[in-house]
C-alpha cells in the first residue's frame, strides 16, 4: 500500500472512469464573514495497492483539531478496491472525505488521519474572518 496523494480542497466528485474532479485543490484557509460558522471542505486521498492488498478491506479515519483546541473525529471510512483488471500490477482507490465542521472562532485547524492504523501526513488549514465589501 502506497499513499499517492493526501490534500485539502473546496470540493470534489468521482468520475465513472475511477478518477475524481477537484475544485480548488490545495487550499490552506477557509474564510468566514463571522464566527460561529460552518467550514465545508474535503480531504482527498489516493492510494495504490498491490492485487493482494486490494482484496482486503481497508479503513481510513480522520481526526480534526479545531482552533479552540477541541477534537472531532470523522466517520471511519471503509475502502474497497474495485478489481477492474485482475492482472494489473497496481490498483488504485480514491477517497473523498466530506468535512462539515462547526467553528466557534478563527485560527488553526489540524487534520490528522490514519490508514489501517498507519499515520497519514498532517494537513493544516487556517480559519479567518474576512470583511464583507
Protein backbone atom coordinates (compact mmCIF):
# COMPACT_ATOMS: atom_id res chain seq x y z
CA UNK A 1 0.00 0.00 0.00
CA UNK A 2 1.38 3.38 -1.01
CA UNK A 3 -0.05 6.85 -0.36
CA UNK A 4 -0.01 8.81 -3.62
CA UNK A 5 -1.90 11.97 -2.62
CA UNK A 6 -3.45 13.46 0.50
CA UNK A 7 -4.66 17.07 0.36
CA UNK A 8 -7.46 19.57 1.05
CA UNK A 9 -9.89 21.05 -1.48
CA UNK A 10 -13.09 23.08 -1.53
CA UNK A 11 -14.96 20.15 -3.09
CA UNK A 12 -14.52 17.12 -5.34
CA UNK A 13 -16.55 14.42 -7.02
CA UNK A 14 -15.97 10.99 -8.51
CA UNK A 15 -15.90 10.26 -12.23
CA UNK A 16 -17.03 6.99 -13.82
CA UNK A 17 -13.51 6.21 -15.05
CA UNK A 18 -12.15 5.91 -11.48
CA UNK A 19 -10.72 9.42 -11.33
CA UNK A 20 -12.04 12.45 -9.47
CA UNK A 21 -12.54 16.10 -10.29
CA UNK A 22 -11.15 18.58 -7.77
CA UNK A 23 -12.40 22.13 -7.25
CA UNK A 24 -9.84 24.50 -5.67
CA UNK A 25 -7.38 21.81 -4.60
CA UNK A 26 -4.56 22.52 -2.17
CA UNK A 27 -6.48 25.03 -0.05
CA UNK A 28 -4.82 26.35 3.09
CA UNK A 29 -7.57 28.52 4.55
CA UNK A 30 -11.30 28.87 4.96
CA UNK A 31 -12.91 32.30 5.10
CA UNK A 32 -15.94 33.36 7.11
CA UNK A 33 -17.88 36.61 7.49
CA UNK A 34 -18.05 35.91 11.22
CA UNK A 35 -17.98 33.24 13.90
CA UNK A 36 -19.50 30.86 14.79
CA UNK A 37 -19.66 29.37 11.29
CA UNK A 38 -19.55 26.08 9.38
CA UNK A 39 -16.40 25.21 7.45
CA UNK A 40 -17.02 22.93 4.48
CA UNK A 41 -14.11 21.24 2.70
CA UNK A 42 -12.93 17.82 1.56
CA UNK A 43 -9.89 15.69 2.24
CA UNK A 44 -8.77 13.77 -0.86
CA UNK A 45 -6.68 10.63 -0.52
CA UNK A 46 -5.35 8.46 -3.37
CA UNK A 47 -3.84 5.08 -2.53
CA UNK A 48 -2.03 2.48 -4.63
CA UNK A 49 -2.48 -1.22 -3.78
CA UNK A 50 -0.97 -4.47 -4.99
CA UNK A 51 -3.56 -7.06 -6.06
CA UNK A 52 -3.09 -8.91 -2.74
CA UNK A 53 -3.66 -5.73 -0.71
CA UNK A 54 -6.63 -4.74 -2.87
CA UNK A 55 -8.53 -7.90 -1.99
CA UNK A 56 -8.71 -6.85 1.69
CA UNK A 57 -10.90 -4.26 3.40
CA UNK A 58 -9.03 -1.10 4.45
CA UNK A 59 -10.05 1.71 6.84
CA UNK A 60 -9.43 5.47 6.72
CA UNK A 61 -10.05 7.56 9.85
CA UNK A 62 -9.65 11.36 10.10
CA UNK A 63 -9.30 13.45 13.28
CA UNK A 64 -9.61 17.23 13.38
CA UNK A 65 -8.25 19.64 15.99
CA UNK A 66 -10.24 22.89 15.92
CA UNK A 67 -8.94 26.40 16.71
CA UNK A 68 -10.44 26.24 20.23
CA UNK A 69 -8.47 23.04 20.95
CA UNK A 70 -11.42 20.67 20.75
CA UNK A 71 -11.18 17.45 18.75
CA UNK A 72 -13.62 15.98 16.23
CA UNK A 73 -13.28 12.58 14.60
CA UNK A 74 -14.74 11.84 11.21
CA UNK A 75 -16.59 8.66 10.48
CA UNK A 76 -14.34 5.67 9.79
CA UNK A 77 -14.43 5.06 6.05
CA UNK A 78 -14.10 1.57 4.62
CA UNK A 79 -12.06 1.40 1.42
CA UNK A 80 -12.97 -1.29 -1.07
CA UNK A 81 -10.86 -1.50 -4.22
CA UNK A 82 -12.63 -2.34 -7.46
CA UNK A 83 -10.76 -5.09 -9.33
CA UNK A 84 -11.27 -3.86 -12.90
CA UNK A 85 -8.27 -5.82 -14.23
CA UNK A 86 -7.13 -8.77 -12.08
CA UNK A 87 -3.80 -8.87 -13.97
CA UNK A 88 -2.92 -5.23 -13.26
CA UNK A 89 0.25 -4.87 -11.16
CA UNK A 90 -1.28 -1.98 -9.18
CA UNK A 91 -4.82 -0.96 -8.26
CA UNK A 92 -5.95 2.44 -7.02
CA UNK A 93 -8.54 3.85 -4.64
CA UNK A 94 -9.66 7.45 -4.38
CA UNK A 95 -11.30 8.56 -1.15
CA UNK A 96 -13.16 11.86 -0.84
CA UNK A 97 -13.90 12.70 2.80
CA UNK A 98 -16.52 15.45 3.10
CA UNK A 99 -15.94 17.64 6.17
CA UNK A 100 -18.59 19.95 7.67
CA UNK A 101 -17.10 21.40 10.84
CA UNK A 102 -18.58 23.95 13.21
CA UNK A 103 -16.07 26.64 14.19
CA UNK A 104 -16.60 28.78 17.27
CA UNK A 105 -13.66 31.05 16.36
CA UNK A 106 -10.92 31.54 13.81
CA UNK A 107 -7.48 30.03 13.98
CA UNK A 108 -5.53 26.91 13.06
CA UNK A 109 -7.21 23.66 12.06
CA UNK A 110 -5.15 20.45 12.00
CA UNK A 111 -6.37 17.32 10.22
CA UNK A 112 -4.70 14.08 11.25
CA UNK A 113 -5.56 10.66 9.95
CA UNK A 114 -4.63 7.05 9.74
CA UNK A 115 -4.95 4.39 7.10
CA UNK A 116 -5.18 0.89 8.57
CA UNK A 117 -3.59 2.26 11.75
CA UNK A 118 -0.66 3.98 9.99
CA UNK A 119 -0.46 7.75 10.39
CA UNK A 120 -1.05 9.95 7.36
CA UNK A 121 0.73 13.29 6.89
CA UNK A 122 -0.86 16.13 8.85
CA UNK A 123 -2.90 18.69 6.91
CA UNK A 124 -3.14 22.30 8.06
CA UNK A 125 -5.71 25.00 7.44
CA UNK A 126 -6.49 28.43 8.90
CA UNK A 127 -10.00 29.78 9.54
CA UNK A 128 -10.05 33.55 9.08
CA UNK A 129 -12.66 36.28 9.35
CA UNK A 130 -12.92 38.49 6.29
CA UNK A 131 -14.64 41.83 5.91
CA UNK A 132 -17.63 41.92 3.60
CA UNK A 133 -17.50 44.66 0.99
